[in-house]
Amino acid sequence: MTGDGRVALVTGGSRGLGAELVDAYLRAGYRVSTCARSETDAVREWAAGSDTKDRFQFTSADVSDPAAADRCVKEAVDRWG
């Protein structure tokens, strides 16, 4: 799996399986947008990491709320196109 300029949008990316997916995509060179209800240490590390900060975006959102899910997608599209 290589990023080649691709974007991954991962919901629930602050912990558990979602965080594993975010990490795998970042290691593969993807630009990654994720949203979750809470920011975790992993999110803060990706946002500050010298090799990930320019390819990572976090949105605080509960995607069970349709408006919040829309905002998560909109922010990803606004940033990555």
Protein backbone atom coordinates (compact mmCIF):
# COMPACT_ATOMS: atom_id res chain seq x y z
CA MET A 1 0.00 0.00 0.00
CA THR A 2 1.51 3.31 -1.09
CA GLY A 3 -0.07 6.72 -0.80
CA ASP A 4 0.97 8.27 -4.12
CA GLY A 5 -0.88 11.47 -3.16
CA ARG A 6 -4.04 9.66 -2.11
CA VAL A 7 -6.27 10.68 0.77
CA ALA A 8 -7.82 8.39 3.37
CA LEU A 9 -10.78 9.48 5.50
CA VAL A 10 -11.04 7.37 8.66
CA THR A 11 -13.86 7.76 11.14
CA GLY A 12 -13.11 6.85 14.73
CA GLY A 13 -9.40 7.28 14.09
CA SER A 14 -8.30 8.31 17.56
CA ARG A 15 -8.14 4.83 19.12
CA GLY A 16 -8.53 1.13 18.47
CA LEU A 17 -8.91 -0.17 14.93
CA GLY A 18 -9.44 3.33 13.57
CA ALA A 19 -6.12 4.49 15.01
CA GLU A 20 -4.41 1.42 13.54
CA LEU A 21 -5.81 2.34 10.13
CA VAL A 22 -4.68 5.97 10.44
CA ASP A 23 -1.20 4.83 11.42
CA ALA A 24 -0.98 2.34 8.54
CA TYR A 25 -2.12 4.93 6.00
CA LEU A 26 0.35 7.51 7.31
CA ARG A 27 3.21 5.00 7.21
CA ALA A 28 2.26 4.21 3.61
CA GLY A 29 2.48 7.89 2.66
CA TYR A 30 -1.20 8.79 2.48
CA ARG A 31 -2.68 12.11 3.52
CA VAL A 32 -5.15 11.24 6.29
CA SER A 33 -8.19 12.99 7.67
CA THR A 34 -9.82 11.45 10.69
CA CYS A 35 -12.62 12.37 13.00
CA ALA A 36 -13.50 11.09 16.42
CA ARG A 37 -15.27 12.27 19.53
CA SER A 38 -12.05 12.84 21.43
CA GLU A 39 -8.44 13.73 20.74
CA THR A 40 -5.93 11.19 22.07
CA ASP A 41 -2.16 11.04 22.51
CA ALA A 42 -1.91 9.30 19.12
CA VAL A 43 -3.78 12.16 17.43
CA ARG A 44 -1.52 14.72 19.09
CA GLU A 45 1.57 12.76 18.00
CA TRP A 46 0.42 12.56 14.36
CA ALA A 47 -0.49 16.27 14.37
CA ALA A 48 2.96 17.23 15.69
CA GLY A 49 5.16 14.59 14.03
CA SER A 50 7.77 15.94 11.65
CA ASP A 51 6.94 13.27 9.06
CA THR A 52 3.15 13.28 9.55
CA LYS A 53 1.96 16.77 10.53
CA ASP A 54 1.67 17.95 6.91
CA ARG A 55 -0.32 14.84 5.96
CA PHE A 56 -2.67 14.59 8.93
CA GLN A 57 -5.90 16.32 9.89
CA PHE A 58 -8.14 15.72 12.90
CA THR A 59 -11.72 16.87 13.33
CA SER A 60 -13.50 16.49 16.63
CA ALA A 61 -16.88 15.04 15.67
CA ASP A 62 -19.42 12.44 16.67
CA VAL A 63 -20.33 10.91 13.30
CA SER A 64 -23.60 9.53 14.67
CA ASP A 65 -24.74 13.15 14.19
CA PRO A 66 -25.28 13.67 10.44
CA ALA A 67 -24.23 17.33 10.60
CA ALA A 68 -20.96 16.38 12.33
CA ALA A 69 -20.30 13.65 9.76
CA ASP A 70 -20.88 16.16 6.96
CA ARG A 71 -18.46 18.58 8.64
CA CYS A 72 -15.81 15.86 8.85
CA VAL A 73 -16.07 15.17 5.12
CA LYS A 74 -16.21 18.87 4.24
CA GLU A 75 -13.06 19.63 6.20
CA ALA A 76 -11.23 16.77 4.47
CA VAL A 77 -12.34 17.97 1.03
CA ASP A 78 -11.50 21.59 1.85
CA ARG A 79 -7.97 20.61 2.85
CA TRP A 80 -7.10 17.84 0.41
CA GLY A 81 -9.42 18.53 -2.52
